[in-house]
Amino acid sequence: MHRAEGSTRELDLATLASVVALSDRLLAHGRPVNILVNSAGVMTPPTRQITADGFEQSFGTTFVGHFALTAQLVPLLRAGHARVTTQTSFAASSPVPGP
């Protein structure tokens, strides 16, 4: 019987510097990743917001951040024969209320 082990790390998907910092730490540790669940979102901020990297907040967080993290971790994901899943929200398909 195998014992499952999980861990969490601090990450701000709205800034690529945070994504690179986490990726660098994980790559330096060298432990294979068996599963990566990309699941974060920004729910309709009251005003347009921009990430530190110049992306619209929702796009930068839910797409760019996840894509960059996954791309950076490819060596560890391959080593762990990982499954990668990206979760979306039902709210993303709902019409956004107008002004």
PDB file of N, CA and C in Angstrom:
ATOM      1  N   MET A   1       0.842  -1.172   0.000  1.00  0.00           N
ATOM      2  CA  MET A   1       0.000   0.000   0.000  1.00  0.00           C
ATOM      3  C   MET A   1       0.892   1.241   0.000  1.00  0.00           C
ATOM      4  N   HIS A   2       0.499   2.218  -0.823  1.00  0.00           N
ATOM      5  CA  HIS A   2       1.244   3.473  -0.916  1.00  0.00           C
ATOM      6  C   HIS A   2       0.608   4.526  -0.025  1.00  0.00           C
ATOM      7  N   ARG A   3       1.444   5.300   0.573  1.00  0.00           N
ATOM      8  CA  ARG A   3       0.960   6.384   1.429  1.00  0.00           C
ATOM      9  C   ARG A   3       0.938   7.668   0.611  1.00  0.00           C
ATOM     10  N   ALA A   4      -0.202   8.309   0.539  1.00  0.00           N
ATOM     11  CA  ALA A   4      -0.329   9.572  -0.187  1.00  0.00           C
ATOM     12  C   ALA A   4       0.246  10.710   0.652  1.00  0.00           C
ATOM     13  N   GLU A   5       0.911  11.603  -0.011  1.00  0.00           N
ATOM     14  CA  GLU A   5       1.497  12.740   0.673  1.00  0.00           C
ATOM     15  C   GLU A   5       1.220  13.984  -0.158  1.00  0.00           C
ATOM     16  N   GLY A   6       0.794  15.018   0.476  1.00  0.00           N
ATOM     17  CA  GLY A   6       0.530  16.268  -0.227  1.00  0.00           C
ATOM     18  C   GLY A   6       1.284  17.410   0.418  1.00  0.00           C
ATOM     19  N   SER A   7       1.395  18.492  -0.301  1.00  0.00           N
ATOM     20  CA  SER A   7       2.037  19.676   0.254  1.00  0.00           C
ATOM     21  C   SER A   7       1.462  20.919  -0.393  1.00  0.00           C
ATOM     22  N   THR A   8       1.625  22.012   0.277  1.00  0.00           N
ATOM     23  CA  THR A   8       1.188  23.293  -0.264  1.00  0.00           C
ATOM     24  C   THR A   8       2.363  24.263  -0.219  1.00  0.00           C
ATOM     25  N   ARG A   9       2.323  25.236  -1.099  1.00  0.00           N
ATOM     26  CA  ARG A   9       3.339  26.278  -1.146  1.00  0.00           C
ATOM     27  C   ARG A   9       2.648  27.601  -1.424  1.00  0.00           C
ATOM     28  N   GLU A  10       3.269  28.674  -0.989  1.00  0.00           N
ATOM     29  CA  GLU A  10       2.731  30.005  -1.247  1.00  0.00           C
ATOM     30  C   GLU A  10       2.985  30.378  -2.702  1.00  0.00           C
ATOM     31  N   LEU A  11       1.951  30.956  -3.335  1.00  0.00           N
ATOM     32  CA  LEU A  11       2.041  31.357  -4.731  1.00  0.00           C
ATOM     33  C   LEU A  11       1.032  32.452  -5.012  1.00  0.00           C
ATOM     34  N   ASP A  12       1.468  33.487  -5.712  1.00  0.00           N
ATOM     35  CA  ASP A  12       0.567  34.533  -6.196  1.00  0.00           C
ATOM     36  C   ASP A  12       0.554  34.438  -7.708  1.00  0.00           C
ATOM     37  N   LEU A  13      -0.488  33.837  -8.259  1.00  0.00           N
ATOM     38  CA  LEU A  13      -0.578  33.630  -9.700  1.00  0.00           C
ATOM     39  C   LEU A  13      -0.696  34.927 -10.489  1.00  0.00           C
ATOM     40  N   ALA A  14      -0.962  36.026  -9.818  1.00  0.00           N
ATOM     41  CA  ALA A  14      -1.102  37.308 -10.499  1.00  0.00           C
ATOM     42  C   ALA A  14       0.249  37.974 -10.770  1.00  0.00           C
ATOM     43  N   THR A  15       1.333  37.364 -10.334  1.00  0.00           N
ATOM     44  CA  THR A  15       2.650  37.927 -10.604  1.00  0.00           C
ATOM     45  C   THR A  15       3.607  36.826 -11.066  1.00  0.00           C
ATOM     46  N   LEU A  16       4.185  37.017 -12.232  1.00  0.00           N
ATOM     47  CA  LEU A  16       5.085  36.006 -12.778  1.00  0.00           C
ATOM     48  C   LEU A  16       6.331  35.829 -11.916  1.00  0.00           C
ATOM     49  N   ALA A  17       6.737  36.857 -11.192  1.00  0.00           N
ATOM     50  CA  ALA A  17       7.890  36.727 -10.288  1.00  0.00           C
ATOM     51  C   ALA A  17       7.606  35.678  -9.217  1.00  0.00           C
ATOM     52  N   SER A  18       6.389  35.629  -8.713  1.00  0.00           N
ATOM     53  CA  SER A  18       6.006  34.633  -7.717  1.00  0.00           C
ATOM     54  C   SER A  18       5.990  33.241  -8.339  1.00  0.00           C
ATOM     55  N   VAL A  19       5.498  33.127  -9.562  1.00  0.00           N
ATOM     56  CA  VAL A  19       5.475  31.846 -10.268  1.00  0.00           C
ATOM     57  C   VAL A  19       6.900  31.331 -10.463  1.00  0.00           C
ATOM     58  N   VAL A  20       7.803  32.197 -10.909  1.00  0.00           N
ATOM     59  CA  VAL A  20       9.201  31.803 -11.129  1.00  0.00           C
ATOM     60  C   VAL A  20       9.861  31.425  -9.808  1.00  0.00           C
ATOM     61  N   ALA A  21       9.594  32.190  -8.759  1.00  0.00           N
ATOM     62  CA  ALA A  21      10.200  31.888  -7.452  1.00  0.00           C
ATOM     63  C   ALA A  21       9.772  30.503  -6.955  1.00  0.00           C
ATOM     64  N   LEU A  22       8.485  30.195  -7.047  1.00  0.00           N
ATOM     65  CA  LEU A  22       8.022  28.878  -6.622  1.00  0.00           C
ATOM     66  C   LEU A  22       8.616  27.787  -7.507  1.00  0.00           C
ATOM     67  N   SER A  23       8.583  28.002  -8.802  1.00  0.00           N
ATOM     68  CA  SER A  23       9.125  27.009  -9.734  1.00  0.00           C
ATOM     69  C   SER A  23      10.595  26.750  -9.450  1.00  0.00           C
ATOM     70  N   ASP A  24      11.353  27.806  -9.224  1.00  0.00           N
ATOM     71  CA  ASP A  24      12.780  27.650  -8.922  1.00  0.00           C
ATOM     72  C   ASP A  24      12.996  26.822  -7.655  1.00  0.00           C
ATOM     73  N   ARG A  25      12.195  27.090  -6.609  1.00  0.00           N
ATOM     74  CA  ARG A  25      12.320  26.328  -5.362  1.00  0.00           C
ATOM     75  C   ARG A  25      11.999  24.849  -5.580  1.00  0.00           C
ATOM     76  N   LEU A  26      10.924  24.589  -6.319  1.00  0.00           N
ATOM     77  CA  LEU A  26      10.528  23.204  -6.566  1.00  0.00           C
ATOM     78  C   LEU A  26      11.547  22.484  -7.445  1.00  0.00           C
ATOM     79  N   LEU A  27      12.044  23.157  -8.468  1.00  0.00           N
ATOM     80  CA  LEU A  27      13.046  22.543  -9.343  1.00  0.00           C
ATOM     81  C   LEU A  27      14.337  22.262  -8.584  1.00  0.00           C
ATOM     82  N   ALA A  28      14.735  23.179  -7.704  1.00  0.00           N
ATOM     83  CA  ALA A  28      15.950  22.979  -6.908  1.00  0.00           C
ATOM     84  C   ALA A  28      15.790  21.779  -5.970  1.00  0.00           C
ATOM     85  N   HIS A  29      14.581  21.601  -5.450  1.00  0.00           N
ATOM     86  CA  HIS A  29      14.299  20.467  -4.566  1.00  0.00           C
ATOM     87  C   HIS A  29      14.347  19.162  -5.362  1.00  0.00           C
ATOM     88  N   GLY A  30      13.884  19.219  -6.612  1.00  0.00           N
ATOM     89  CA  GLY A  30      13.993  18.078  -7.518  1.00  0.00           C
ATOM     90  C   GLY A  30      13.020  16.940  -7.315  1.00  0.00           C
ATOM     91  N   ARG A  31      12.034  17.137  -6.469  1.00  0.00           N
ATOM     92  CA  ARG A  31      11.073  16.069  -6.215  1.00  0.00           C
ATOM     93  C   ARG A  31      10.021  16.024  -7.326  1.00  0.00           C
ATOM     94  N   PRO A  32       9.817  14.877  -7.959  1.00  0.00           N
ATOM     95  CA  PRO A  32       8.825  14.781  -9.030  1.00  0.00           C
ATOM     96  C   PRO A  32       7.430  15.194  -8.548  1.00  0.00           C
ATOM     97  N   VAL A  33       6.665  15.765  -9.445  1.00  0.00           N
ATOM     98  CA  VAL A  33       5.285  16.172  -9.156  1.00  0.00           C
ATOM     99  C   VAL A  33       4.373  15.164  -9.840  1.00  0.00           C
ATOM    100  N   ASN A  34       3.446  14.583  -9.084  1.00  0.00           N
ATOM    101  CA  ASN A  34       2.545  13.570  -9.622  1.00  0.00           C
ATOM    102  C   ASN A  34       1.223  14.137 -10.116  1.00  0.00           C
ATOM    103  N   ILE A  35       0.811  15.244  -9.518  1.00  0.00           N
ATOM    104  CA  ILE A  35      -0.439  15.871  -9.942  1.00  0.00           C
ATOM    105  C   ILE A  35      -0.329  17.371  -9.727  1.00  0.00           C
ATOM    106  N   LEU A  36      -0.855  18.109 -10.678  1.00  0.00           N
ATOM    107  CA  LEU A  36      -0.921  19.560 -10.561  1.00  0.00           C
ATOM    108  C   LEU A  36      -2.351  19.971 -10.876  1.00  0.00           C
ATOM    109  N   VAL A  37      -2.993  20.600  -9.925  1.00  0.00           N
ATOM    110  CA  VAL A  37      -4.362  21.078 -10.110  1.00  0.00           C
ATOM    111  C   VAL A  37      -4.318  22.596 -10.184  1.00  0.00           C
ATOM    112  N   ASN A  38      -4.574  23.117 -11.359  1.00  0.00           N
ATOM    113  CA  ASN A  38      -4.631  24.569 -11.560  1.00  0.00           C
ATOM    114  C   ASN A  38      -6.055  25.021 -11.274  1.00  0.00           C
ATOM    115  N   SER A  39      -6.224  25.757 -10.199  1.00  0.00           N
ATOM    116  CA  SER A  39      -7.560  26.172  -9.810  1.00  0.00           C
ATOM    117  C   SER A  39      -7.499  27.495  -9.066  1.00  0.00           C
ATOM    118  N   ALA A  40      -7.718  28.562  -9.772  1.00  0.00           N
ATOM    119  CA  ALA A  40      -7.778  29.883  -9.147  1.00  0.00           C
ATOM    120  C   ALA A  40      -8.563  30.787 -10.080  1.00  0.00           C
ATOM    121  N   GLY A  41      -9.168  31.766  -9.528  1.00  0.00           N
ATOM    122  CA  GLY A  41      -9.932  32.666 -10.365  1.00  0.00           C
ATOM    123  C   GLY A  41     -10.150  34.009  -9.717  1.00  0.00           C
ATOM    124  N   VAL A  42     -10.552  34.929 -10.540  1.00  0.00           N
ATOM    125  CA  VAL A  42     -10.869  36.277 -10.081  1.00  0.00           C
ATOM    126  C   VAL A  42     -12.312  36.534 -10.485  1.00  0.00           C
ATOM    127  N   MET A  43     -13.143  36.832  -9.512  1.00  0.00           N
ATOM    128  CA  MET A  43     -14.562  37.056  -9.795  1.00  0.00           C
ATOM    129  C   MET A  43     -14.875  38.523  -9.995  1.00  0.00           C
ATOM    130  N   THR A  44     -15.071  38.926 -11.181  1.00  0.00           N
ATOM    131  CA  THR A  44     -15.578  40.232 -11.568  1.00  0.00           C
ATOM    132  C   THR A  44     -15.224  41.355 -10.595  1.00  0.00           C
ATOM    133  N   PRO A  45     -13.975  41.827 -10.629  1.00  0.00           N
ATOM    134  CA  PRO A  45     -13.640  42.957  -9.762  1.00  0.00           C
ATOM    135  C   PRO A  45     -14.479  44.181 -10.146  1.00  0.00           C
ATOM    136  N   PRO A  46     -14.766  45.051  -9.185  1.00  0.00           N
ATOM    137  CA  PRO A  46     -15.633  46.200  -9.459  1.00  0.00           C
ATOM    138  C   PRO A  46     -15.025  47.179 -10.467  1.00  0.00           C
ATOM    139  N   THR A  47     -13.703  47.194 -10.579  1.00  0.00           N
ATOM    140  CA  THR A  47     -13.033  48.056 -11.559  1.00  0.00           C
ATOM    141  C   THR A  47     -11.969  47.231 -12.264  1.00  0.00           C
ATOM    142  N   ARG A  48     -11.568  47.687 -13.433  1.00  0.00           N
ATOM    143  CA  ARG A  48     -10.523  46.984 -14.180  1.00  0.00           C
ATOM    144  C   ARG A  48      -9.222  47.051 -13.388  1.00  0.00           C
ATOM    145  N   GLN A  49      -8.611  45.898 -13.184  1.00  0.00           N
ATOM    146  CA  GLN A  49      -7.351  45.836 -12.452  1.00  0.00           C
ATOM    147  C   GLN A  49      -6.305  45.157 -13.322  1.00  0.00           C
ATOM    148  N   ILE A  50      -5.071  45.545 -13.126  1.00  0.00           N
ATOM    149  CA  ILE A  50      -3.950  45.053 -13.922  1.00  0.00           C
ATOM    150  C   ILE A  50      -2.959  44.359 -12.991  1.00  0.00           C
ATOM    151  N   THR A  51      -2.387  43.252 -13.447  1.00  0.00           N
ATOM    152  CA  THR A  51      -1.371  42.559 -12.649  1.00  0.00           C
ATOM    153  C   THR A  51      -0.061  43.339 -12.692  1.00  0.00           C
ATOM    154  N   ALA A  52       0.878  42.946 -11.860  1.00  0.00           N
ATOM    155  CA  ALA A  52       2.198  43.587 -11.840  1.00  0.00           C
ATOM    156  C   ALA A  52       2.903  43.457 -13.190  1.00  0.00           C
ATOM    157  N   ASP A  53       2.512  42.450 -13.977  1.00  0.00           N
ATOM    158  CA  ASP A  53       3.129  42.211 -15.280  1.00  0.00           C
ATOM    159  C   ASP A  53       2.369  42.862 -16.431  1.00  0.00           C
ATOM    160  N   GLY A  54       1.293  43.595 -16.113  1.00  0.00           N
ATOM    161  CA  GLY A  54       0.562  44.342 -17.132  1.00  0.00           C
ATOM    162  C   GLY A  54      -0.603  43.623 -17.777  1.00  0.00           C
ATOM    163  N   PHE A  55      -0.992  42.467 -17.257  1.00  0.00           N
ATOM    164  CA  PHE A  55      -2.141  41.749 -17.793  1.00  0.00           C
ATOM    165  C   PHE A  55      -3.406  42.148 -17.042  1.00  0.00           C
ATOM    166  N   GLU A  56      -4.531  42.073 -17.719  1.00  0.00           N
ATOM    167  CA  GLU A  56      -5.810  42.251 -17.036  1.00  0.00           C
ATOM    168  C   GLU A  56      -5.866  41.189 -15.935  1.00  0.00           C
ATOM    169  N   GLN A  57      -6.340  41.560 -14.760  1.00  0.00           N
ATOM    170  CA  GLN A  57      -6.263  40.722 -13.554  1.00  0.00           C
ATOM    171  C   GLN A  57      -6.795  39.300 -13.751  1.00  0.00           C
ATOM    172  N   SER A  58      -7.975  39.165 -14.299  1.00  0.00           N
ATOM    173  CA  SER A  58      -8.568  37.841 -14.445  1.00  0.00           C
ATOM    174  C   SER A  58      -7.766  36.985 -15.427  1.00  0.00           C
ATOM    175  N   PHE A  59      -7.405  37.541 -16.562  1.00  0.00           N
ATOM    176  CA  PHE A  59      -6.619  36.821 -17.569  1.00  0.00           C
ATOM    177  C   PHE A  59      -5.235  36.474 -17.027  1.00  0.00           C
ATOM    178  N   GLY A  60      -4.605  37.421 -16.363  1.00  0.00           N
ATOM    179  CA  GLY A  60      -3.272  37.198 -15.817  1.00  0.00           C
ATOM    180  C   GLY A  60      -3.242  36.120 -14.761  1.00  0.00           C
ATOM    181  N   THR A  61      -4.276  36.071 -13.939  1.00  0.00           N
ATOM    182  CA  THR A  61      -4.330  35.100 -12.847  1.00  0.00           C
ATOM    183  C   THR A  61      -4.770  33.724 -13.328  1.00  0.00           C
ATOM    184  N   THR A  62      -5.878  33.668 -14.056  1.00  0.00           N
ATOM    185  CA  THR A  62      -6.475  32.379 -14.391  1.00  0.00           C
ATOM    186  C   THR A  62      -5.890  31.721 -15.624  1.00  0.00           C
ATOM    187  N   PHE A  63      -5.211  32.478 -16.490  1.00  0.00           N
ATOM    188  CA  PHE A  63      -4.606  31.857 -17.662  1.00  0.00           C
ATOM    189  C   PHE A  63      -3.082  31.966 -17.650  1.00  0.00           C
ATOM    190  N   VAL A  64      -2.566  33.175 -17.660  1.00  0.00           N
ATOM    191  CA  VAL A  64      -1.117  33.373 -17.767  1.00  0.00           C
ATOM    192  C   VAL A  64      -0.380  32.726 -16.589  1.00  0.00           C
ATOM    193  N   GLY A  65      -0.861  32.958 -15.383  1.00  0.00           N
ATOM    194  CA  GLY A  65      -0.207  32.391 -14.205  1.00  0.00           C
ATOM    195  C   GLY A  65      -0.172  30.875 -14.229  1.00  0.00           C
ATOM    196  N   HIS A  66      -1.311  30.262 -14.559  1.00  0.00           N
ATOM    197  CA  HIS A  66      -1.371  28.793 -14.624  1.00  0.00           C
ATOM    198  C   HIS A  66      -0.486  28.245 -15.739  1.00  0.00           C
ATOM    199  N   PHE A  67      -0.537  28.891 -16.901  1.00  0.00           N
ATOM    200  CA  PHE A  67       0.271  28.439 -18.035  1.00  0.00           C
ATOM    201  C   PHE A  67       1.757  28.507 -17.686  1.00  0.00           C
ATOM    202  N   ALA A  68       2.177  29.637 -17.106  1.00  0.00           N
ATOM    203  CA  ALA A  68       3.587  29.814 -16.756  1.00  0.00           C
ATOM    204  C   ALA A  68       4.033  28.789 -15.711  1.00  0.00           C
ATOM    205  N   LEU A  69       3.208  28.553 -14.708  1.00  0.00           N
ATOM    206  CA  LEU A  69       3.551  27.584 -13.672  1.00  0.00           C
ATOM    207  C   LEU A  69       3.712  26.193 -14.273  1.00  0.00           C
ATOM    208  N   THR A  70       2.748  25.775 -15.063  1.00  0.00           N
ATOM    209  CA  THR A  70       2.800  24.453 -15.677  1.00  0.00           C
ATOM    210  C   THR A  70       4.031  24.320 -16.573  1.00  0.00           C
ATOM    211  N   ALA A  71       4.296  25.336 -17.381  1.00  0.00           N
ATOM    212  CA  ALA A  71       5.449  25.300 -18.286  1.00  0.00           C
ATOM    213  C   ALA A  71       6.763  25.206 -17.511  1.00  0.00           C
ATOM    214  N   GLN A  72       6.880  25.946 -16.425  1.00  0.00           N
ATOM    215  CA  GLN A  72       8.104  25.932 -15.626  1.00  0.00           C
ATOM    216  C   GLN A  72       8.337  24.575 -14.960  1.00  0.00           C
ATOM    217  N   LEU A  73       7.261  23.894 -14.636  1.00  0.00           N
ATOM    218  CA  LEU A  73       7.366  22.632 -13.903  1.00  0.00           C
ATOM    219  C   LEU A  73       7.433  21.394 -14.791  1.00  0.00           C
ATOM    220  N   VAL A  74       7.504  21.564 -16.102  1.00  0.00           N
ATOM    221  CA  VAL A  74       7.493  20.416 -17.014  1.00  0.00           C
ATOM    222  C   VAL A  74       8.505  19.332 -16.635  1.00  0.00           C
ATOM    223  N   PRO A  75       9.749  19.659 -16.293  1.00  0.00           N
ATOM    224  CA  PRO A  75      10.680  18.568 -15.931  1.00  0.00           C
ATOM    225  C   PRO A  75      10.190  17.738 -14.735  1.00  0.00           C
ATOM    226  N   LEU A  76       9.638  18.401 -13.732  1.00  0.00           N
ATOM    227  CA  LEU A  76       9.141  17.671 -12.559  1.00  0.00           C
ATOM    228  C   LEU A  76       7.857  16.919 -12.873  1.00  0.00           C
ATOM    229  N   LEU A  77       7.026  17.474 -13.740  1.00  0.00           N
ATOM    230  CA  LEU A  77       5.785  16.816 -14.137  1.00  0.00           C
ATOM    231  C   LEU A  77       6.097  15.556 -14.951  1.00  0.00           C
ATOM    232  N   ARG A  78       7.057  15.659 -15.845  1.00  0.00           N
ATOM    233  CA  ARG A  78       7.459  14.478 -16.626  1.00  0.00           C
ATOM    234  C   ARG A  78       8.051  13.411 -15.718  1.00  0.00           C
ATOM    235  N   ALA A  79       8.906  13.828 -14.799  1.00  0.00           N
ATOM    236  CA  ALA A  79       9.544  12.875 -13.881  1.00  0.00           C
ATOM    237  C   ALA A  79       8.512  12.136 -13.041  1.00  0.00           C
ATOM    238  N   GLY A  80       7.429  12.809 -12.703  1.00  0.00           N
ATOM    239  CA  GLY A  80       6.387  12.200 -11.879  1.00  0.00           C
ATOM    240  C   GLY A  80       5.264  11.568 -12.673  1.00  0.00           C
ATOM    241  N   HIS A  81       5.407  11.528 -14.025  1.00  0.00           N
ATOM    242  CA  HIS A  81       4.328  11.018 -14.884  1.00  0.00           C
ATOM    243  C   HIS A  81       2.998  11.652 -14.467  1.00  0.00           C
ATOM    244  N   ALA A  82       3.035  12.971 -14.322  1.00  0.00           N
ATOM    245  CA  ALA A  82       1.934  13.707 -13.710  1.00  0.00           C
ATOM    246  C   ALA A  82       0.699  13.818 -14.584  1.00  0.00           C
ATOM    247  N   ARG A  83      -0.362  14.036 -13.883  1.00  0.00           N
ATOM    248  CA  ARG A  83      -1.617  14.462 -14.495  1.00  0.00           C
ATOM    249  C   ARG A  83      -1.778  15.929 -14.126  1.00  0.00           C
ATOM    250  N   VAL A  84      -2.141  16.714 -15.125  1.00  0.00           N
ATOM    251  CA  VAL A  84      -2.363  18.145 -14.909  1.00  0.00           C
ATOM    252  C   VAL A  84      -3.814  18.421 -15.253  1.00  0.00           C
ATOM    253  N   THR A  85      -4.494  19.072 -14.357  1.00  0.00           N
ATOM    254  CA  THR A  85      -5.879  19.438 -14.616  1.00  0.00           C
ATOM    255  C   THR A  85      -6.062  20.917 -14.323  1.00  0.00           C
ATOM    256  N   THR A  86      -6.889  21.549 -15.125  1.00  0.00           N
ATOM    257  CA  THR A  86      -7.207  22.956 -14.918  1.00  0.00           C
ATOM    258  C   THR A  86      -8.705  23.058 -14.689  1.00  0.00           C
ATOM    259  N   GLN A  87      -9.065  23.584 -13.544  1.00  0.00           N
ATOM    260  CA  GLN A  87     -10.476  23.719 -13.166  1.00  0.00           C
ATOM    261  C   GLN A  87     -11.002  25.068 -13.643  1.00  0.00           C
ATOM    262  N   THR A  88     -12.224  25.064 -14.085  1.00  0.00           N
ATOM    263  CA  THR A  88     -12.875  26.315 -14.444  1.00  0.00           C
ATOM    264  C   THR A  88     -14.135  26.453 -13.609  1.00  0.00           C
ATOM    265  N   SER A  89     -14.662  27.637 -13.604  1.00  0.00           N
ATOM    266  CA  SER A  89     -15.845  27.909 -12.811  1.00  0.00           C
ATOM    267  C   SER A  89     -17.064  28.004 -13.709  1.00  0.00           C
ATOM    268  N   PHE A  90     -18.174  27.481 -13.225  1.00  0.00           N
ATOM    269  CA  PHE A  90     -19.436  27.631 -13.940  1.00  0.00           C
ATOM    270  C   PHE A  90     -19.759  29.114 -14.109  1.00  0.00           C
ATOM    271  N   ALA A  91     -19.334  29.929 -13.146  1.00  0.00           N
ATOM    272  CA  ALA A  91     -19.596  31.367 -13.211  1.00  0.00           C
ATOM    273  C   ALA A  91     -18.935  32.001 -14.423  1.00  0.00           C
ATOM    274  N   ALA A  92     -17.859  31.394 -14.919  1.00  0.00           N
ATOM    275  CA  ALA A  92     -17.170  31.952 -16.091  1.00  0.00           C
ATOM    276  C   ALA A  92     -18.038  31.918 -17.339  1.00  0.00           C
ATOM    277  N   SER A  93     -19.008  31.020 -17.380  1.00  0.00           N
ATOM    278  CA  SER A  93     -19.868  30.930 -18.553  1.00  0.00           C
ATOM    279  C   SER A  93     -21.130  31.773 -18.411  1.00  0.00           C
ATOM    280  N   SER A  94     -21.344  32.336 -17.241  1.00  0.00           N
ATOM    281  CA  SER A  94     -22.529  33.164 -17.013  1.00  0.00           C
ATOM    282  C   SER A  94     -22.305  34.549 -17.582  1.00  0.00           C
ATOM    283  N   PRO A  95     -23.348  35.157 -18.125  1.00  0.00           N
ATOM    284  CA  PRO A  95     -23.195  36.511 -18.639  1.00  0.00           C
ATOM    285  C   PRO A  95     -22.795  37.487 -17.512  1.00  0.00           C
ATOM    286  N   VAL A  96     -21.923  38.389 -17.856  1.00  0.00           N
ATOM    287  CA  VAL A  96     -21.499  39.413 -16.887  1.00  0.00           C
ATOM    288  C   VAL A  96     -22.547  40.518 -16.911  1.00  0.00           C
ATOM    289  N   PRO A  97     -23.055  40.902 -15.728  1.00  0.00           N
ATOM    290  CA  PRO A  97     -24.080  41.966 -15.703  1.00  0.00           C
ATOM    291  C   PRO A  97     -23.518  43.261 -16.252  1.00  0.00           C
ATOM    292  N   GLY A  98     -24.324  43.957 -16.999  1.00  0.00           N
ATOM    293  CA  GLY A  98     -23.915  45.234 -17.587  1.00  0.00           C
ATOM    294  C   GLY A  98     -23.966  46.369 -16.584  1.00  0.00           C
ATOM    295  N   PRO A  99     -23.508  47.529 -17.017  1.00  0.00           N
ATOM    296  CA  PRO A  99     -23.502  48.693 -16.101  1.00  0.00           C
ATOM    297  C   PRO A  99     -24.889  49.136 -15.702  1.00  0.00           C
TER     298      PRO A  99
END
